Amino acid sequence: MLPEPQKQAFQTFSGIVRQNDILEPKTTRLIYLAVSMAVGCYPWMNHCLSDAKENQVTDQEIGAAQSIVMAVLAGSVDARFKDAVGQ
């Protein structure tokens, strides 16, 4: 559905982000996985999980990323609830 110019621009941007020279590849993979967990994107979560496992990211490292996501989301729920009740 995405027009070809926008599709190519997105693919170029995504590739540049993925192949950055700033973060270690494992860290980049874990961030991708954690963000896909946080936003609930199942297709991307499955892709990132497969990619992580293919590139020697351990279950323990994946679990640590999952724990961080859970903590941030729990904090977000708490903050929004406090805002809703005026605390």
C-alpha atoms as a PDB file:
ATOM      1  CA  MET A   1       0.000   0.000   0.000  1.00  0.00           C
ATOM      2  CA  LEU A   2       2.818   2.410   0.789  1.00  0.00           C
ATOM      3  CA  PRO A   3       3.854   4.347  -2.327  1.00  0.00           C
ATOM      4  CA  GLU A   4       7.229   3.232  -3.652  1.00  0.00           C
ATOM      5  CA  PRO A   5       9.147   6.482  -2.909  1.00  0.00           C
ATOM      6  CA  GLN A   6       8.005   6.437   0.733  1.00  0.00           C
ATOM      7  CA  LYS A   7       8.699   2.718   1.002  1.00  0.00           C
ATOM      8  CA  GLN A   8      12.253   3.203  -0.276  1.00  0.00           C
ATOM      9  CA  ALA A   9      12.801   6.194   2.020  1.00  0.00           C
ATOM     10  CA  PHE A  10      11.608   4.197   5.027  1.00  0.00           C
ATOM     11  CA  GLN A  11      13.790   1.204   4.123  1.00  0.00           C
ATOM     12  CA  THR A  12      16.814   3.479   3.720  1.00  0.00           C
ATOM     13  CA  PHE A  13      16.149   5.196   7.043  1.00  0.00           C
ATOM     14  CA  SER A  14      15.519   1.898   8.826  1.00  0.00           C
ATOM     15  CA  GLY A  15      18.744   0.408   7.449  1.00  0.00           C
ATOM     16  CA  ILE A  16      20.780   3.418   8.555  1.00  0.00           C
ATOM     17  CA  VAL A  17      19.317   3.214  12.048  1.00  0.00           C
ATOM     18  CA  ARG A  18      19.984  -0.518  12.276  1.00  0.00           C
ATOM     19  CA  GLN A  19      23.560  -0.232  10.992  1.00  0.00           C
ATOM     20  CA  ASN A  20      24.617   2.666  13.218  1.00  0.00           C
ATOM     21  CA  ASP A  21      28.225   3.057  14.330  1.00  0.00           C
ATOM     22  CA  ILE A  22      27.282   4.237  17.794  1.00  0.00           C
ATOM     23  CA  LEU A  23      25.673   1.280  19.562  1.00  0.00           C
ATOM     24  CA  GLU A  24      26.914  -2.276  19.569  1.00  0.00           C
ATOM     25  CA  PRO A  25      24.780  -4.512  17.312  1.00  0.00           C
ATOM     26  CA  LYS A  26      23.562  -6.539  20.320  1.00  0.00           C
ATOM     27  CA  THR A  27      22.393  -3.374  22.062  1.00  0.00           C
ATOM     28  CA  THR A  28      20.606  -2.204  18.934  1.00  0.00           C
ATOM     29  CA  ARG A  29      18.866  -5.587  18.636  1.00  0.00           C
ATOM     30  CA  LEU A  30      17.762  -5.465  22.269  1.00  0.00           C
ATOM     31  CA  ILE A  31      16.397  -1.933  21.850  1.00  0.00           C
ATOM     32  CA  TYR A  32      14.438  -2.975  18.762  1.00  0.00           C
ATOM     33  CA  LEU A  33      13.032  -5.956  20.662  1.00  0.00           C
ATOM     34  CA  ALA A  34      12.200  -3.915  23.759  1.00  0.00           C
ATOM     35  CA  VAL A  35      10.425  -1.210  21.777  1.00  0.00           C
ATOM     36  CA  SER A  36       8.427  -3.775  19.827  1.00  0.00           C
ATOM     37  CA  MET A  37       7.377  -5.281  23.179  1.00  0.00           C
ATOM     38  CA  ALA A  38       6.443  -1.870  24.562  1.00  0.00           C
ATOM     39  CA  VAL A  39       4.261  -0.920  21.600  1.00  0.00           C
ATOM     40  CA  GLY A  40       2.801  -4.416  21.279  1.00  0.00           C
ATOM     41  CA  CYS A  41       3.832  -5.012  17.671  1.00  0.00           C
ATOM     42  CA  TYR A  42       3.669  -8.804  17.436  1.00  0.00           C
ATOM     43  CA  PRO A  43       5.069  -9.163  13.890  1.00  0.00           C
ATOM     44  CA  TRP A  44       8.076  -6.977  14.686  1.00  0.00           C
ATOM     45  CA  MET A  45       8.467  -8.619  18.108  1.00  0.00           C
ATOM     46  CA  ASN A  46       8.668 -12.034  16.431  1.00  0.00           C
ATOM     47  CA  HIS A  47      11.123 -10.733  13.842  1.00  0.00           C
ATOM     48  CA  CYS A  48      13.336  -9.068  16.465  1.00  0.00           C
ATOM     49  CA  LEU A  49      13.260 -12.118  18.716  1.00  0.00           C
ATOM     50  CA  SER A  50      14.332 -14.394  15.857  1.00  0.00           C
ATOM     51  CA  ASP A  51      17.029 -11.939  14.820  1.00  0.00           C
ATOM     52  CA  ALA A  52      18.318 -11.674  18.400  1.00  0.00           C
ATOM     53  CA  LYS A  53      18.502 -15.445  18.846  1.00  0.00           C
ATOM     54  CA  GLU A  54      20.223 -15.884  15.463  1.00  0.00           C
ATOM     55  CA  ASN A  55      22.842 -13.388  16.618  1.00  0.00           C
ATOM     56  CA  GLN A  56      23.686 -14.962  19.977  1.00  0.00           C
ATOM     57  CA  VAL A  57      21.610 -12.714  22.203  1.00  0.00           C
ATOM     58  CA  THR A  58      20.997 -14.897  25.246  1.00  0.00           C
ATOM     59  CA  ASP A  59      17.674 -15.671  26.870  1.00  0.00           C
ATOM     60  CA  GLN A  60      18.999 -13.928  29.975  1.00  0.00           C
ATOM     61  CA  GLU A  61      19.696 -10.721  27.996  1.00  0.00           C
ATOM     62  CA  ILE A  62      16.267 -10.907  26.361  1.00  0.00           C
ATOM     63  CA  GLY A  63      14.713 -11.408  29.801  1.00  0.00           C
ATOM     64  CA  ALA A  64      16.548  -8.364  31.136  1.00  0.00           C
ATOM     65  CA  ALA A  65      15.163  -6.267  28.264  1.00  0.00           C
ATOM     66  CA  GLN A  66      11.684  -7.671  28.922  1.00  0.00           C
ATOM     67  CA  SER A  67      11.989  -6.767  32.612  1.00  0.00           C
ATOM     68  CA  ILE A  68      12.931  -3.180  31.736  1.00  0.00           C
ATOM     69  CA  VAL A  69       9.925  -2.898  29.419  1.00  0.00           C
ATOM     70  CA  MET A  70       7.648  -4.266  32.125  1.00  0.00           C
ATOM     71  CA  ALA A  71       9.024  -1.816  34.705  1.00  0.00           C
ATOM     72  CA  VAL A  72       8.663   1.182  32.391  1.00  0.00           C
ATOM     73  CA  LEU A  73       5.126   0.209  31.381  1.00  0.00           C
ATOM     74  CA  ALA A  74       4.132  -0.355  35.003  1.00  0.00           C
ATOM     75  CA  GLY A  75       5.522   3.056  35.899  1.00  0.00           C
ATOM     76  CA  SER A  76       3.617   4.580  33.002  1.00  0.00           C
ATOM     77  CA  VAL A  77       0.335   3.054  34.176  1.00  0.00           C
ATOM     78  CA  ASP A  78       0.986   4.302  37.703  1.00  0.00           C
ATOM     79  CA  ALA A  79       1.814   7.827  36.504  1.00  0.00           C
ATOM     80  CA  ARG A  80      -1.264   8.015  34.253  1.00  0.00           C
ATOM     81  CA  PHE A  81      -3.522   6.744  37.028  1.00  0.00           C
ATOM     82  CA  LYS A  82      -2.134   9.282  39.490  1.00  0.00           C
ATOM     83  CA  ASP A  83      -2.698  12.006  36.892  1.00  0.00           C
ATOM     84  CA  ALA A  84      -6.273  10.800  36.324  1.00  0.00           C
ATOM     85  CA  VAL A  85      -7.130  10.910  40.029  1.00  0.00           C
ATOM     86  CA  GLY A  86      -5.301  14.189  40.570  1.00  0.00           C
ATOM     87  CA  GLN A  87      -2.420  13.008  42.738  1.00  0.00           C
END
